PDB file of N, CA and C in Angstrom:
ATOM      1  N   MET A   1     242.596 141.197  92.397  1.00  0.00           N
ATOM      2  CA  MET A   1     242.373 142.047  91.099  1.00  0.00           C
ATOM      3  C   MET A   1     242.738 143.282  91.826  1.00  0.00           C
ATOM      4  N   GLU A   2     243.928 143.873  91.749  1.00  0.00           N
ATOM      5  CA  GLU A   2     244.410 144.626  92.651  1.00  0.00           C
ATOM      6  C   GLU A   2     244.161 146.098  91.561  1.00  0.00           C
ATOM      7  N   ARG A   3     243.758 147.318  91.769  1.00  0.00           N
ATOM      8  CA  ARG A   3     244.089 148.304  90.386  1.00  0.00           C
ATOM      9  C   ARG A   3     244.699 149.621  91.350  1.00  0.00           C
ATOM     10  N   PHE A   4     245.560 150.379  90.588  1.00  0.00           N
ATOM     11  CA  PHE A   4     246.266 151.810  91.116  1.00  0.00           C
ATOM     12  C   PHE A   4     244.850 152.644  91.437  1.00  0.00           C
ATOM     13  N   ASP A   5     245.011 153.140  92.475  1.00  0.00           N
ATOM     14  CA  ASP A   5     243.765 154.144  92.772  1.00  0.00           C
ATOM     15  C   ASP A   5     243.497 155.545  92.038  1.00  0.00           C
ATOM     16  N   SER A   6     244.570 156.005  91.774  1.00  0.00           N
ATOM     17  CA  SER A   6     244.701 156.968  90.991  1.00  0.00           C
ATOM     18  C   SER A   6     243.973 156.967  89.788  1.00  0.00           C
ATOM     19  N   ASP A   7     244.283 155.640  88.647  1.00  0.00           N
ATOM     20  CA  ASP A   7     243.574 155.571  87.663  1.00  0.00           C
ATOM     21  C   ASP A   7     243.055 154.021  87.240  1.00  0.00           C
ATOM     22  N   PRO A   8     241.751 153.622  87.183  1.00  0.00           N
ATOM     23  CA  PRO A   8     241.174 152.548  87.629  1.00  0.00           C
ATOM     24  C   PRO A   8     241.491 151.959  86.038  1.00  0.00           C
ATOM     25  N   LYS A   9     242.133 152.272  84.900  1.00  0.00           N
ATOM     26  CA  LYS A   9     242.465 151.476  84.064  1.00  0.00           C
ATOM     27  C   LYS A   9     243.589 150.817  83.901  1.00  0.00           C
ATOM     28  N   LEU A  10     244.791 150.996  85.153  1.00  0.00           N
ATOM     29  CA  LEU A  10     246.032 150.599  85.047  1.00  0.00           C
ATOM     30  C   LEU A  10     245.834 149.773  86.528  1.00  0.00           C
ATOM     31  N   TYR A  11     246.589 148.397  86.446  1.00  0.00           N
ATOM     32  CA  TYR A  11     246.783 147.735  87.283  1.00  0.00           C
ATOM     33  C   TYR A  11     248.054 147.653  88.041  1.00  0.00           C
ATOM     34  N   ARG A  12     248.131 147.048  89.415  1.00  0.00           N
ATOM     35  CA  ARG A  12     249.344 146.513  89.812  1.00  0.00           C
ATOM     36  C   ARG A  12     250.460 145.543  89.472  1.00  0.00           C
ATOM     37  N   SER A  13     249.814 144.961  88.562  1.00  0.00           N
ATOM     38  CA  SER A  13     250.410 143.366  88.117  1.00  0.00           C
ATOM     39  C   SER A  13     249.961 142.780  86.802  1.00  0.00           C
ATOM     40  N   LEU A  14     250.644 142.180  86.050  1.00  0.00           N
ATOM     41  CA  LEU A  14     250.162 141.365  84.781  1.00  0.00           C
ATOM     42  C   LEU A  14     249.215 140.305  85.165  1.00  0.00           C
ATOM     43  N   ASP A  15     249.406 139.533  86.114  1.00  0.00           N
ATOM     44  CA  ASP A  15     248.737 138.588  86.673  1.00  0.00           C
ATOM     45  C   ASP A  15     247.398 139.366  86.931  1.00  0.00           C
ATOM     46  N   ASP A  16     247.338 140.107  87.844  1.00  0.00           N
ATOM     47  CA  ASP A  16     245.605 140.976  88.088  1.00  0.00           C
ATOM     48  C   ASP A  16     245.133 141.680  86.716  1.00  0.00           C
ATOM     49  N   ALA A  17     245.919 141.865  85.778  1.00  0.00           N
ATOM     50  CA  ALA A  17     245.264 142.354  84.145  1.00  0.00           C
ATOM     51  C   ALA A  17     245.002 141.210  83.633  1.00  0.00           C
ATOM     52  N   ALA A  18     245.409 140.247  83.396  1.00  0.00           N
ATOM     53  CA  ALA A  18     245.643 138.996  82.994  1.00  0.00           C
ATOM     54  C   ALA A  18     244.129 138.665  83.588  1.00  0.00           C
ATOM     55  N   GLY A  19     244.089 138.113  84.942  1.00  0.00           N
ATOM     56  CA  GLY A  19     242.786 137.620  85.554  1.00  0.00           C
ATOM     57  C   GLY A  19     241.550 138.463  84.959  1.00  0.00           C
ATOM     58  N   HIS A  20     241.683 139.675  84.887  1.00  0.00           N
ATOM     59  CA  HIS A  20     240.392 140.467  84.633  1.00  0.00           C
ATOM     60  C   HIS A  20     239.914 140.456  83.600  1.00  0.00           C
ATOM     61  N   ILE A  21     241.006 140.109  82.651  1.00  0.00           N
ATOM     62  CA  ILE A  21     240.619 140.432  81.078  1.00  0.00           C
ATOM     63  C   ILE A  21     240.204 138.666  80.834  1.00  0.00           C
ATOM     64  N   LEU A  22     240.497 137.364  81.261  1.00  0.00           N
ATOM     65  CA  LEU A  22     239.844 136.069  81.356  1.00  0.00           C
ATOM     66  C   LEU A  22     238.578 136.425  81.860  1.00  0.00           C
ATOM     67  N   SER A  23     238.351 136.569  82.906  1.00  0.00           N
ATOM     68  CA  SER A  23     236.957 137.056  83.576  1.00  0.00           C
ATOM     69  C   SER A  23     236.384 137.269  82.527  1.00  0.00           C
ATOM     70  N   MET A  24     236.492 138.973  82.286  1.00  0.00           N
ATOM     71  CA  MET A  24     235.398 139.577  81.132  1.00  0.00           C
ATOM     72  C   MET A  24     235.148 138.574  79.880  1.00  0.00           C
ATOM     73  N   ILE A  25     236.416 138.017  79.083  1.00  0.00           N
ATOM     74  CA  ILE A  25     235.964 137.334  77.976  1.00  0.00           C
ATOM     75  C   ILE A  25     235.086 135.838  78.218  1.00  0.00           C
ATOM     76  N   SER A  26     235.501 135.152  79.505  1.00  0.00           N
ATOM     77  CA  SER A  26     234.698 134.090  79.512  1.00  0.00           C
ATOM     78  C   SER A  26     233.165 134.515  79.819  1.00  0.00           C
ATOM     79  N   GLN A  27     232.897 135.809  80.248  1.00  0.00           N
ATOM     80  CA  GLN A  27     231.457 135.856  80.471  1.00  0.00           C
ATOM     81  C   GLN A  27     230.600 136.059  78.966  1.00  0.00           C
ATOM     82  N   ILE A  28     231.558 136.489  77.647  1.00  0.00           N
ATOM     83  CA  ILE A  28     231.044 136.688  76.654  1.00  0.00           C
ATOM     84  C   ILE A  28     231.183 135.474  75.904  1.00  0.00           C
ATOM     85  N   ILE A  29     232.512 134.751  75.806  1.00  0.00           N
ATOM     86  CA  ILE A  29     232.713 133.661  75.361  1.00  0.00           C
ATOM     87  C   ILE A  29     232.624 132.403  75.752  1.00  0.00           C
ATOM     88  N   HIS A  30     231.548 131.619  75.776  1.00  0.00           N
ATOM     89  CA  HIS A  30     231.247 130.329  76.384  1.00  0.00           C
ATOM     90  C   HIS A  30     232.054 129.101  75.860  1.00  0.00           C
ATOM     91  N   VAL A  31     233.232 129.597  76.440  1.00  0.00           N
ATOM     92  CA  VAL A  31     234.316 128.228  76.270  1.00  0.00           C
ATOM     93  C   VAL A  31     234.875 127.754  77.537  1.00  0.00           C
ATOM     94  N   ASN A  32     235.278 126.319  77.463  1.00  0.00           N
ATOM     95  CA  ASN A  32     236.006 125.704  78.782  1.00  0.00           C
ATOM     96  C   ASN A  32     236.951 126.594  79.231  1.00  0.00           C
ATOM     97  N   THR A  33     237.927 126.513  78.221  1.00  0.00           N
ATOM     98  CA  THR A  33     239.210 127.352  78.533  1.00  0.00           C
ATOM     99  C   THR A  33     239.478 128.375  77.769  1.00  0.00           C
ATOM    100  N   LEU A  34     240.550 129.544  78.280  1.00  0.00           N
ATOM    101  CA  LEU A  34     241.061 130.523  77.971  1.00  0.00           C
ATOM    102  C   LEU A  34     242.258 130.460  78.844  1.00  0.00           C
ATOM    103  N   PHE A  35     243.553 131.067  78.193  1.00  0.00           N
ATOM    104  CA  PHE A  35     244.261 131.287  78.447  1.00  0.00           C
ATOM    105  C   PHE A  35     245.362 132.403  78.043  1.00  0.00           C
ATOM    106  N   VAL A  36     246.256 133.086  78.991  1.00  0.00           N
ATOM    107  CA  VAL A  36     247.513 134.217  78.783  1.00  0.00           C
ATOM    108  C   VAL A  36     248.576 133.423  78.648  1.00  0.00           C
ATOM    109  N   ALA A  37     249.561 133.515  77.491  1.00  0.00           N
ATOM    110  CA  ALA A  37     250.566 132.890  77.513  1.00  0.00           C
ATOM    111  C   ALA A  37     251.979 133.663  77.429  1.00  0.00           C
ATOM    112  N   SER A  38     252.926 133.608  77.942  1.00  0.00           N
ATOM    113  CA  SER A  38     253.779 134.151  76.971  1.00  0.00           C
ATOM    114  C   SER A  38     254.919 133.320  75.984  1.00  0.00           C
ATOM    115  N   ASN A  39     255.376 133.866  75.066  1.00  0.00           N
ATOM    116  CA  ASN A  39     255.814 133.299  73.913  1.00  0.00           C
ATOM    117  C   ASN A  39     257.388 133.579  73.817  1.00  0.00           C
ATOM    118  N   ASP A  40     258.195 132.957  73.833  1.00  0.00           N
ATOM    119  CA  ASP A  40     259.615 133.599  73.000  1.00  0.00           C
ATOM    120  C   ASP A  40     259.828 132.819  72.077  1.00  0.00           C
ATOM    121  N   LYS A  41     259.473 132.324  71.089  1.00  0.00           N
ATOM    122  CA  LYS A  41     259.445 131.792  69.862  1.00  0.00           C
ATOM    123  C   LYS A  41     259.889 130.430  69.743  1.00  0.00           C
ATOM    124  N   VAL A  42     260.008 129.974  70.960  1.00  0.00           N
ATOM    125  CA  VAL A  42     260.267 128.342  70.759  1.00  0.00           C
ATOM    126  C   VAL A  42     259.303 127.961  72.007  1.00  0.00           C
ATOM    127  N   THR A  43     259.312 128.262  73.569  1.00  0.00           N
ATOM    128  CA  THR A  43     258.260 127.778  74.197  1.00  0.00           C
ATOM    129  C   THR A  43     256.819 128.648  74.574  1.00  0.00           C
ATOM    130  N   ASN A  44     256.106 127.966  74.682  1.00  0.00           N
ATOM    131  CA  ASN A  44     254.757 129.238  75.343  1.00  0.00           C
ATOM    132  C   ASN A  44     254.690 128.843  76.940  1.00  0.00           C
ATOM    133  N   THR A  45     254.542 129.697  77.414  1.00  0.00           N
ATOM    134  CA  THR A  45     254.331 129.531  79.050  1.00  0.00           C
ATOM    135  C   THR A  45     253.290 129.920  79.470  1.00  0.00           C
ATOM    136  N   ILE A  46     252.087 129.385  79.787  1.00  0.00           N
ATOM    137  CA  ILE A  46     250.745 129.598  80.081  1.00  0.00           C
ATOM    138  C   ILE A  46     251.128 130.622  81.617  1.00  0.00           C
ATOM    139  N   PHE A  47     250.550 131.553  81.340  1.00  0.00           N
ATOM    140  CA  PHE A  47     250.644 132.509  82.987  1.00  0.00           C
ATOM    141  C   PHE A  47     249.520 132.726  83.659  1.00  0.00           C
ATOM    142  N   LYS A  48     248.017 132.628  82.884  1.00  0.00           N
ATOM    143  CA  LYS A  48     247.045 132.822  83.482  1.00  0.00           C
ATOM    144  C   LYS A  48     245.780 132.275  82.875  1.00  0.00           C
ATOM    145  N   VAL A  49     244.860 131.190  83.603  1.00  0.00           N
ATOM    146  CA  VAL A  49     244.212 130.338  83.167  1.00  0.00           C
ATOM    147  C   VAL A  49     243.051 130.422  83.154  1.00  0.00           C
ATOM    148  N   PHE A  50     241.633 130.199  82.272  1.00  0.00           N
ATOM    149  CA  PHE A  50     240.570 130.057  83.136  1.00  0.00           C
ATOM    150  C   PHE A  50     239.746 128.880  82.567  1.00  0.00           C
ATOM    151  N   ASN A  51     239.748 127.953  83.265  1.00  0.00           N
ATOM    152  CA  ASN A  51     239.010 126.817  82.645  1.00  0.00           C
ATOM    153  C   ASN A  51     237.706 126.332  83.720  1.00  0.00           C
ATOM    154  N   ARG A  52     236.487 126.351  83.053  1.00  0.00           N
ATOM    155  CA  ARG A  52     235.030 126.569  83.016  1.00  0.00           C
ATOM    156  C   ARG A  52     234.463 125.118  83.646  1.00  0.00           C
ATOM    157  N   GLN A  53     235.131 124.249  83.183  1.00  0.00           N
ATOM    158  CA  GLN A  53     234.803 122.891  83.428  1.00  0.00           C
ATOM    159  C   GLN A  53     235.841 121.883  84.057  1.00  0.00           C
ATOM    160  N   GLU A  54     236.061 121.571  82.634  1.00  0.00           N
ATOM    161  CA  GLU A  54     236.937 120.510  82.522  1.00  0.00           C
ATOM    162  C   GLU A  54     238.611 121.449  82.823  1.00  0.00           C
ATOM    163  N   GLN A  55     239.416 121.044  83.265  1.00  0.00           N
ATOM    164  CA  GLN A  55     240.884 121.372  83.193  1.00  0.00           C
ATOM    165  C   GLN A  55     241.772 120.796  82.182  1.00  0.00           C
ATOM    166  N   LEU A  56     241.959 121.508  81.312  1.00  0.00           N
ATOM    167  CA  LEU A  56     242.505 121.403  80.216  1.00  0.00           C
ATOM    168  C   LEU A  56     244.299 121.853  80.417  1.00  0.00           C
ATOM    169  N   ILE A  57     244.309 122.939  80.935  1.00  0.00           N
ATOM    170  CA  ILE A  57     245.651 123.187  81.184  1.00  0.00           C
ATOM    171  C   ILE A  57     246.085 124.117  82.381  1.00  0.00           C
ATOM    172  N   GLN A  58     247.183 124.184  82.876  1.00  0.00           N
ATOM    173  CA  GLN A  58     247.399 124.552  84.032  1.00  0.00           C
ATOM    174  C   GLN A  58     248.237 126.285  84.013  1.00  0.00           C
ATOM    175  N   GLU A  59     247.976 126.749  85.084  1.00  0.00           N
ATOM    176  CA  GLU A  59     249.088 127.852  85.079  1.00  0.00           C
ATOM    177  C   GLU A  59     250.542 127.726  85.206  1.00  0.00           C
ATOM    178  N   GLY A  60     251.536 128.095  84.659  1.00  0.00           N
ATOM    179  CA  GLY A  60     252.842 127.905  85.190  1.00  0.00           C
ATOM    180  C   GLY A  60     253.638 126.617  83.790  1.00  0.00           C
ATOM    181  N   VAL A  61     252.314 126.070  83.178  1.00  0.00           N
ATOM    182  CA  VAL A  61     253.208 124.918  82.117  1.00  0.00           C
ATOM    183  C   VAL A  61     253.820 125.350  80.959  1.00  0.00           C
ATOM    184  N   ALA A  62     254.533 124.884  80.524  1.00  0.00           N
ATOM    185  CA  ALA A  62     255.313 125.578  79.486  1.00  0.00           C
ATOM    186  C   ALA A  62     255.642 124.342  78.293  1.00  0.00           C
ATOM    187  N   CYS A  63     255.304 124.524  77.472  1.00  0.00           N
ATOM    188  CA  CYS A  63     255.544 123.829  76.329  1.00  0.00           C
ATOM    189  C   CYS A  63     255.933 123.998  74.933  1.00  0.00           C
ATOM    190  N   HIS A  64     256.715 122.942  74.147  1.00  0.00           N
ATOM    191  CA  HIS A  64     257.347 123.867  73.075  1.00  0.00           C
ATOM    192  C   HIS A  64     256.508 123.881  71.904  1.00  0.00           C
ATOM    193  N   MET A  65     255.922 125.038  71.179  1.00  0.00           N
ATOM    194  CA  MET A  65     254.783 125.175  70.636  1.00  0.00           C
ATOM    195  C   MET A  65     255.868 124.253  69.185  1.00  0.00           C
ATOM    196  N   ASN A  66     255.113 123.385  68.518  1.00  0.00           N
ATOM    197  CA  ASN A  66     254.910 123.082  67.536  1.00  0.00           C
ATOM    198  C   ASN A  66     253.373 122.514  66.961  1.00  0.00           C
ATOM    199  N   ARG A  67     253.882 122.395  65.622  1.00  0.00           N
ATOM    200  CA  ARG A  67     252.383 121.917  64.973  1.00  0.00           C
ATOM    201  C   ARG A  67     251.742 120.432  65.556  1.00  0.00           C
ATOM    202  N   ARG A  68     252.539 119.780  66.313  1.00  0.00           N
ATOM    203  CA  ARG A  68     252.290 118.982  66.850  1.00  0.00           C
ATOM    204  C   ARG A  68     251.131 118.636  67.933  1.00  0.00           C
ATOM    205  N   THR A  69     251.811 119.714  68.807  1.00  0.00           N
ATOM    206  CA  THR A  69     251.565 120.526  70.126  1.00  0.00           C
ATOM    207  C   THR A  69     250.142 120.775  69.687  1.00  0.00           C
ATOM    208  N   ALA A  70     250.053 121.608  68.736  1.00  0.00           N
ATOM    209  CA  ALA A  70     248.754 122.521  68.831  1.00  0.00           C
ATOM    210  C   ALA A  70     247.526 121.580  68.013  1.00  0.00           C
ATOM    211  N   VAL A  71     247.881 120.196  67.273  1.00  0.00           N
ATOM    212  CA  VAL A  71     246.980 119.404  67.112  1.00  0.00           C
ATOM    213  C   VAL A  71     246.694 118.557  68.080  1.00  0.00           C
ATOM    214  N   TRP A  72     247.746 118.032  69.044  1.00  0.00           N
ATOM    215  CA  TRP A  72     247.090 117.433  70.268  1.00  0.00           C
ATOM    216  C   TRP A  72     246.169 118.045  71.225  1.00  0.00           C
ATOM    217  N   LEU A  73     246.364 119.249  71.221  1.00  0.00           N
ATOM    218  CA  LEU A  73     245.336 120.504  72.102  1.00  0.00           C
ATOM    219  C   LEU A  73     244.324 120.399  71.443  1.00  0.00           C
ATOM    220  N   LEU A  74     244.409 120.469  70.356  1.00  0.00           N
ATOM    221  CA  LEU A  74     242.713 120.462  69.587  1.00  0.00           C
ATOM    222  C   LEU A  74     242.160 119.358  69.863  1.00  0.00           C
ATOM    223  N   ARG A  75     242.742 118.110  69.096  1.00  0.00           N
ATOM    224  CA  ARG A  75     242.581 116.493  69.497  1.00  0.00           C
ATOM    225  C   ARG A  75     241.754 116.661  71.260  1.00  0.00           C
ATOM    226  N   LYS A  76     242.371 117.162  71.948  1.00  0.00           N
ATOM    227  CA  LYS A  76     242.214 116.458  73.369  1.00  0.00           C
ATOM    228  C   LYS A  76     240.850 117.834  73.482  1.00  0.00           C
ATOM    229  N   ALA A  77     240.839 118.883  73.334  1.00  0.00           N
ATOM    230  CA  ALA A  77     239.232 119.769  73.133  1.00  0.00           C
ATOM    231  C   ALA A  77     238.116 119.080  72.645  1.00  0.00           C
ATOM    232  N   LEU A  78     238.695 118.822  71.344  1.00  0.00           N
ATOM    233  CA  LEU A  78     237.485 117.851  70.477  1.00  0.00           C
ATOM    234  C   LEU A  78     236.690 116.687  71.206  1.00  0.00           C
ATOM    235  N   SER A  79     238.088 115.906  71.714  1.00  0.00           N
ATOM    236  CA  SER A  79     237.223 114.799  72.609  1.00  0.00           C
ATOM    237  C   SER A  79     236.655 114.818  73.388  1.00  0.00           C
ATOM    238  N   LEU A  80     236.922 115.983  74.362  1.00  0.00           N
ATOM    239  CA  LEU A  80     236.221 116.009  75.691  1.00  0.00           C
ATOM    240  C   LEU A  80     235.051 116.877  75.110  1.00  0.00           C
ATOM    241  N   SER A  81     234.777 117.422  73.868  1.00  0.00           N
ATOM    242  CA  SER A  81     233.438 118.027  73.550  1.00  0.00           C
ATOM    243  C   SER A  81     232.333 117.269  72.867  1.00  0.00           C
ATOM    244  N   LEU A  82     233.273 116.041  72.195  1.00  0.00           N
ATOM    245  CA  LEU A  82     232.408 115.016  71.790  1.00  0.00           C
ATOM    246  C   LEU A  82     231.931 114.173  73.340  1.00  0.00           C
ATOM    247  N   LEU A  83     232.290 113.652  74.114  1.00  0.00           N
ATOM    248  CA  LEU A  83     232.068 113.277  75.383  1.00  0.00           C
ATOM    249  C   LEU A  83     230.955 114.061  76.071  1.00  0.00           C
ATOM    250  N   LYS A  84     230.987 115.072  75.985  1.00  0.00           N
ATOM    251  CA  LYS A  84     230.013 115.705  76.926  1.00  0.00           C
ATOM    252  C   LYS A  84     228.647 115.901  75.980  1.00  0.00           C
ATOM    253  N   ILE A  85     228.981 115.865  74.537  1.00  0.00           N
ATOM    254  CA  ILE A  85     227.370 115.890  73.673  1.00  0.00           C
ATOM    255  C   ILE A  85     227.008 114.405  74.068  1.00  0.00           C
ATOM    256  N   GLN A  86     227.982 113.342  74.276  1.00  0.00           N
ATOM    257  CA  GLN A  86     227.481 112.302  74.037  1.00  0.00           C
ATOM    258  C   GLN A  86     226.716 111.967  75.921  1.00  0.00           C
ATOM    259  N   ARG A  87     227.476 112.200  76.579  1.00  0.00           N
ATOM    260  CA  ARG A  87     226.614 112.218  77.884  1.00  0.00           C
ATOM    261  C   ARG A  87     225.066 113.281  77.827  1.00  0.00           C
ATOM    262  N   ASN A  88     225.283 114.113  76.950  1.00  0.00           N
ATOM    263  CA  ASN A  88     224.314 115.161  77.251  1.00  0.00           C
ATOM    264  C   ASN A  88     222.869 114.332  76.145  1.00  0.00           C
ATOM    265  N   THR A  89     223.119 113.517  75.573  1.00  0.00           N
ATOM    266  CA  THR A  89     222.356 113.014  74.530  1.00  0.00           C
ATOM    267  C   THR A  89     221.959 111.818  74.591  1.00  0.00           C
ATOM    268  N   LEU A  90     222.358 110.994  75.719  1.00  0.00           N
ATOM    269  CA  LEU A  90     221.859 109.682  76.356  1.00  0.00           C
ATOM    270  C   LEU A  90     220.921 109.670  77.480  1.00  0.00           C
TER     271      LEU A  90
END
């Protein structure tokens, strides 16, 4: 995470800024996965990822965002959450 020396609010790259933002948000919101993606109205390209435990998504992945993809991601996250709950209650 490299910032410009003259202004501590500016970053040298989008990668640095995204990494810092995800780091700050992950300390406030205790979720498994956060990511920054670019969207060209057809494809989401995952630019930067924070995975706390399970790796749900990787940097560089590009996926066609439609309703089916969103539902799949939600089901995947829900099933992993349910497995974790089951393990913790046994």
